[in-house]
C-alpha atoms as a PDB file:
ATOM      1  CA  UNK A   1     132.872   7.573  80.342  1.00  0.00           C
ATOM      2  CA  UNK A   2     132.333   9.853  83.319  1.00  0.00           C
ATOM      3  CA  UNK A   3     129.110  11.803  83.180  1.00  0.00           C
ATOM      4  CA  UNK A   4     129.007  14.818  85.694  1.00  0.00           C
ATOM      5  CA  UNK A   5     125.751  15.057  87.441  1.00  0.00           C
ATOM      6  CA  UNK A   6     125.094  18.632  85.995  1.00  0.00           C
ATOM      7  CA  UNK A   7     125.641  17.057  82.344  1.00  0.00           C
ATOM      8  CA  UNK A   8     123.060  14.245  83.238  1.00  0.00           C
ATOM      9  CA  UNK A   9     120.471  16.903  83.982  1.00  0.00           C
ATOM     10  CA  UNK A  10     121.292  19.050  80.910  1.00  0.00           C
ATOM     11  CA  UNK A  11     121.429  17.038  77.711  1.00  0.00           C
ATOM     12  CA  UNK A  12     122.617  20.068  75.787  1.00  0.00           C
ATOM     13  CA  UNK A  13     126.093  20.034  77.695  1.00  0.00           C
ATOM     14  CA  UNK A  14     128.739  17.921  75.750  1.00  0.00           C
ATOM     15  CA  UNK A  15     130.146  14.728  77.236  1.00  0.00           C
ATOM     16  CA  UNK A  16     133.870  14.027  77.180  1.00  0.00           C
ATOM     17  CA  UNK A  17     135.887  10.941  76.720  1.00  0.00           C
ATOM     18  CA  UNK A  18     139.598  10.205  76.222  1.00  0.00           C
ATOM     19  CA  UNK A  19     141.086  10.271  72.704  1.00  0.00           C
ATOM     20  CA  UNK A  20     140.609   6.923  70.890  1.00  0.00           C
ATOM     21  CA  UNK A  21     143.854   6.459  69.047  1.00  0.00           C
ATOM     22  CA  UNK A  22     146.050   7.132  72.060  1.00  0.00           C
ATOM     23  CA  UNK A  23     143.874   4.914  74.183  1.00  0.00           C
ATOM     24  CA  UNK A  24     143.911   2.085  71.604  1.00  0.00           C
ATOM     25  CA  UNK A  25     147.725   1.969  71.221  1.00  0.00           C
ATOM     26  CA  UNK A  26     148.221   2.166  75.010  1.00  0.00           C
ATOM     27  CA  UNK A  27     145.656  -0.658  75.653  1.00  0.00           C
ATOM     28  CA  UNK A  28     147.390  -2.883  72.981  1.00  0.00           C
ATOM     29  CA  UNK A  29     150.838  -2.353  74.644  1.00  0.00           C
ATOM     30  CA  UNK A  30     149.447  -2.961  78.214  1.00  0.00           C
ATOM     31  CA  UNK A  31     147.591  -6.037  77.254  1.00  0.00           C
ATOM     32  CA  UNK A  32     150.554  -7.406  75.215  1.00  0.00           C
ATOM     33  CA  UNK A  33     152.682  -7.036  78.287  1.00  0.00           C
ATOM     34  CA  UNK A  34     150.104  -8.414  80.743  1.00  0.00           C
ATOM     35  CA  UNK A  35     149.694 -11.491  78.450  1.00  0.00           C
ATOM     36  CA  UNK A  36     153.424 -11.974  78.283  1.00  0.00           C
ATOM     37  CA  UNK A  37     153.543 -11.425  74.480  1.00  0.00           C
ATOM     38  CA  UNK A  38     155.849  -8.574  74.755  1.00  0.00           C
ATOM     39  CA  UNK A  39     158.189  -6.682  77.133  1.00  0.00           C
ATOM     40  CA  UNK A  40     158.447  -2.942  78.141  1.00  0.00           C
ATOM     41  CA  UNK A  41     161.562  -2.724  75.933  1.00  0.00           C
ATOM     42  CA  UNK A  42     159.392  -4.177  72.867  1.00  0.00           C
ATOM     43  CA  UNK A  43     156.729  -1.696  73.671  1.00  0.00           C
ATOM     44  CA  UNK A  44     159.208   1.091  73.471  1.00  0.00           C
ATOM     45  CA  UNK A  45     160.380  -0.098  70.115  1.00  0.00           C
ATOM     46  CA  UNK A  46     156.917  -0.131  68.780  1.00  0.00           C
ATOM     47  CA  UNK A  47     156.213   3.310  70.015  1.00  0.00           C
ATOM     48  CA  UNK A  48     159.353   4.541  68.233  1.00  0.00           C
ATOM     49  CA  UNK A  49     158.201   2.878  65.064  1.00  0.00           C
ATOM     50  CA  UNK A  50     154.701   4.313  65.165  1.00  0.00           C
ATOM     51  CA  UNK A  51     156.126   7.889  65.542  1.00  0.00           C
ATOM     52  CA  UNK A  52     157.469   7.390  61.807  1.00  0.00           C
ATOM     53  CA  UNK A  53     153.870   6.751  60.386  1.00  0.00           C
ATOM     54  CA  UNK A  54     151.724   9.696  59.425  1.00  0.00           C
ATOM     55  CA  UNK A  55     148.758   8.602  61.643  1.00  0.00           C
ATOM     56  CA  UNK A  56     145.704  10.712  61.509  1.00  0.00           C
ATOM     57  CA  UNK A  57     142.310  10.517  63.289  1.00  0.00           C
ATOM     58  CA  UNK A  58     139.408   9.705  61.006  1.00  0.00           C
ATOM     59  CA  UNK A  59     136.880  12.673  61.474  1.00  0.00           C
ATOM     60  CA  UNK A  60     133.996  10.430  60.229  1.00  0.00           C
ATOM     61  CA  UNK A  61     134.378   7.522  62.596  1.00  0.00           C
ATOM     62  CA  UNK A  62     132.015   8.826  65.204  1.00  0.00           C
ATOM     63  CA  UNK A  63     129.295   9.487  62.844  1.00  0.00           C
ATOM     64  CA  UNK A  64     129.444   5.754  61.734  1.00  0.00           C
ATOM     65  CA  UNK A  65     129.536   4.340  65.178  1.00  0.00           C
ATOM     66  CA  UNK A  66     125.958   4.178  66.039  1.00  0.00           C
ATOM     67  CA  UNK A  67     124.786   2.467  62.632  1.00  0.00           C
ATOM     68  CA  UNK A  68     127.478   1.024  60.420  1.00  0.00           C
ATOM     69  CA  UNK A  69     130.056   0.161  63.045  1.00  0.00           C
ATOM     70  CA  UNK A  70     127.389  -1.497  65.295  1.00  0.00           C
ATOM     71  CA  UNK A  71     125.788  -3.392  62.477  1.00  0.00           C
ATOM     72  CA  UNK A  72     129.336  -4.601  61.340  1.00  0.00           C
ATOM     73  CA  UNK A  73     130.210  -5.619  64.978  1.00  0.00           C
ATOM     74  CA  UNK A  74     126.834  -7.660  65.181  1.00  0.00           C
ATOM     75  CA  UNK A  75     127.196  -9.204  61.756  1.00  0.00           C
ATOM     76  CA  UNK A  76     130.759 -10.144  62.204  1.00  0.00           C
ATOM     77  CA  UNK A  77     130.805 -11.061  65.788  1.00  0.00           C
ATOM     78  CA  UNK A  78     133.434  -8.451  66.602  1.00  0.00           C
ATOM     79  CA  UNK A  79     133.858  -6.043  69.443  1.00  0.00           C
ATOM     80  CA  UNK A  80     132.618  -2.591  68.587  1.00  0.00           C
ATOM     81  CA  UNK A  81     136.149  -1.478  69.079  1.00  0.00           C
ATOM     82  CA  UNK A  82     137.530  -3.910  66.429  1.00  0.00           C
ATOM     83  CA  UNK A  83     134.615  -3.245  64.173  1.00  0.00           C
ATOM     84  CA  UNK A  84     135.471   0.473  64.094  1.00  0.00           C
ATOM     85  CA  UNK A  85     138.810  -0.381  62.544  1.00  0.00           C
ATOM     86  CA  UNK A  86     137.348  -2.682  60.077  1.00  0.00           C
ATOM     87  CA  UNK A  87     134.536  -0.019  59.122  1.00  0.00           C
ATOM     88  CA  UNK A  88     137.384   2.570  58.531  1.00  0.00           C
ATOM     89  CA  UNK A  89     139.290   0.146  56.406  1.00  0.00           C
ATOM     90  CA  UNK A  90     136.333  -0.775  54.375  1.00  0.00           C
ATOM     91  CA  UNK A  91     135.059   2.751  54.043  1.00  0.00           C
ATOM     92  CA  UNK A  92     138.320   4.273  53.041  1.00  0.00           C
ATOM     93  CA  UNK A  93     139.629   1.299  51.103  1.00  0.00           C
ATOM     94  CA  UNK A  94     142.761   1.031  53.332  1.00  0.00           C
ATOM     95  CA  UNK A  95     144.681  -2.015  54.458  1.00  0.00           C
ATOM     96  CA  UNK A  96     144.316  -2.973  58.065  1.00  0.00           C
ATOM     97  CA  UNK A  97     147.247  -3.534  60.580  1.00  0.00           C
ATOM     98  CA  UNK A  98     146.464  -5.795  63.403  1.00  0.00           C
ATOM     99  CA  UNK A  99     147.737  -8.637  65.517  1.00  0.00           C
ATOM    100  CA  UNK A 100     144.195  -9.761  66.264  1.00  0.00           C
ATOM    101  CA  UNK A 101     143.559 -13.200  64.560  1.00  0.00           C
ATOM    102  CA  UNK A 102     139.783 -12.848  64.438  1.00  0.00           C
ATOM    103  CA  UNK A 103     139.951  -9.409  63.007  1.00  0.00           C
ATOM    104  CA  UNK A 104     142.498 -10.649  60.486  1.00  0.00           C
ATOM    105  CA  UNK A 105     140.275 -13.495  59.370  1.00  0.00           C
ATOM    106  CA  UNK A 106     137.149 -11.225  59.210  1.00  0.00           C
ATOM    107  CA  UNK A 107     139.087  -8.555  57.174  1.00  0.00           C
ATOM    108  CA  UNK A 108     140.256 -11.222  54.766  1.00  0.00           C
ATOM    109  CA  UNK A 109     136.716 -12.443  54.426  1.00  0.00           C
ATOM    110  CA  UNK A 110     135.391  -9.216  53.446  1.00  0.00           C
ATOM    111  CA  UNK A 111     138.216  -8.319  51.063  1.00  0.00           C
ATOM    112  CA  UNK A 112     140.295  -6.008  53.209  1.00  0.00           C
ATOM    113  CA  UNK A 113     144.093  -6.270  52.688  1.00  0.00           C
ATOM    114  CA  UNK A 114     146.190  -6.622  55.721  1.00  0.00           C
ATOM    115  CA  UNK A 115     149.601  -5.151  56.411  1.00  0.00           C
ATOM    116  CA  UNK A 116     152.192  -7.740  57.385  1.00  0.00           C
ATOM    117  CA  UNK A 117     152.825  -7.288  61.120  1.00  0.00           C
END
């Protein structure tokens, strides 16, 4: 996260970071292609499918990041990134959509339903 020098000297100024959901989808697509799990054409198909879903940004995720999400990441040996998705599913009682095998296993272990991907 870029921290301008004037912000570092003034803790009252807000910091900025890129939007999480867009970054998450972009990272998944790039890593899938890099690992030869998908092609650019498949990524385009995924993007067109995702446009159909009414995806919203959870306004409470940030307030849970420093305590619940971090504790979940430590307890389940997940990245904070993956733990944030699991925390959201647990808190809101939602199924989880992921291709990550470790996250799937952890979700199942804590009683979270999975979407078939």
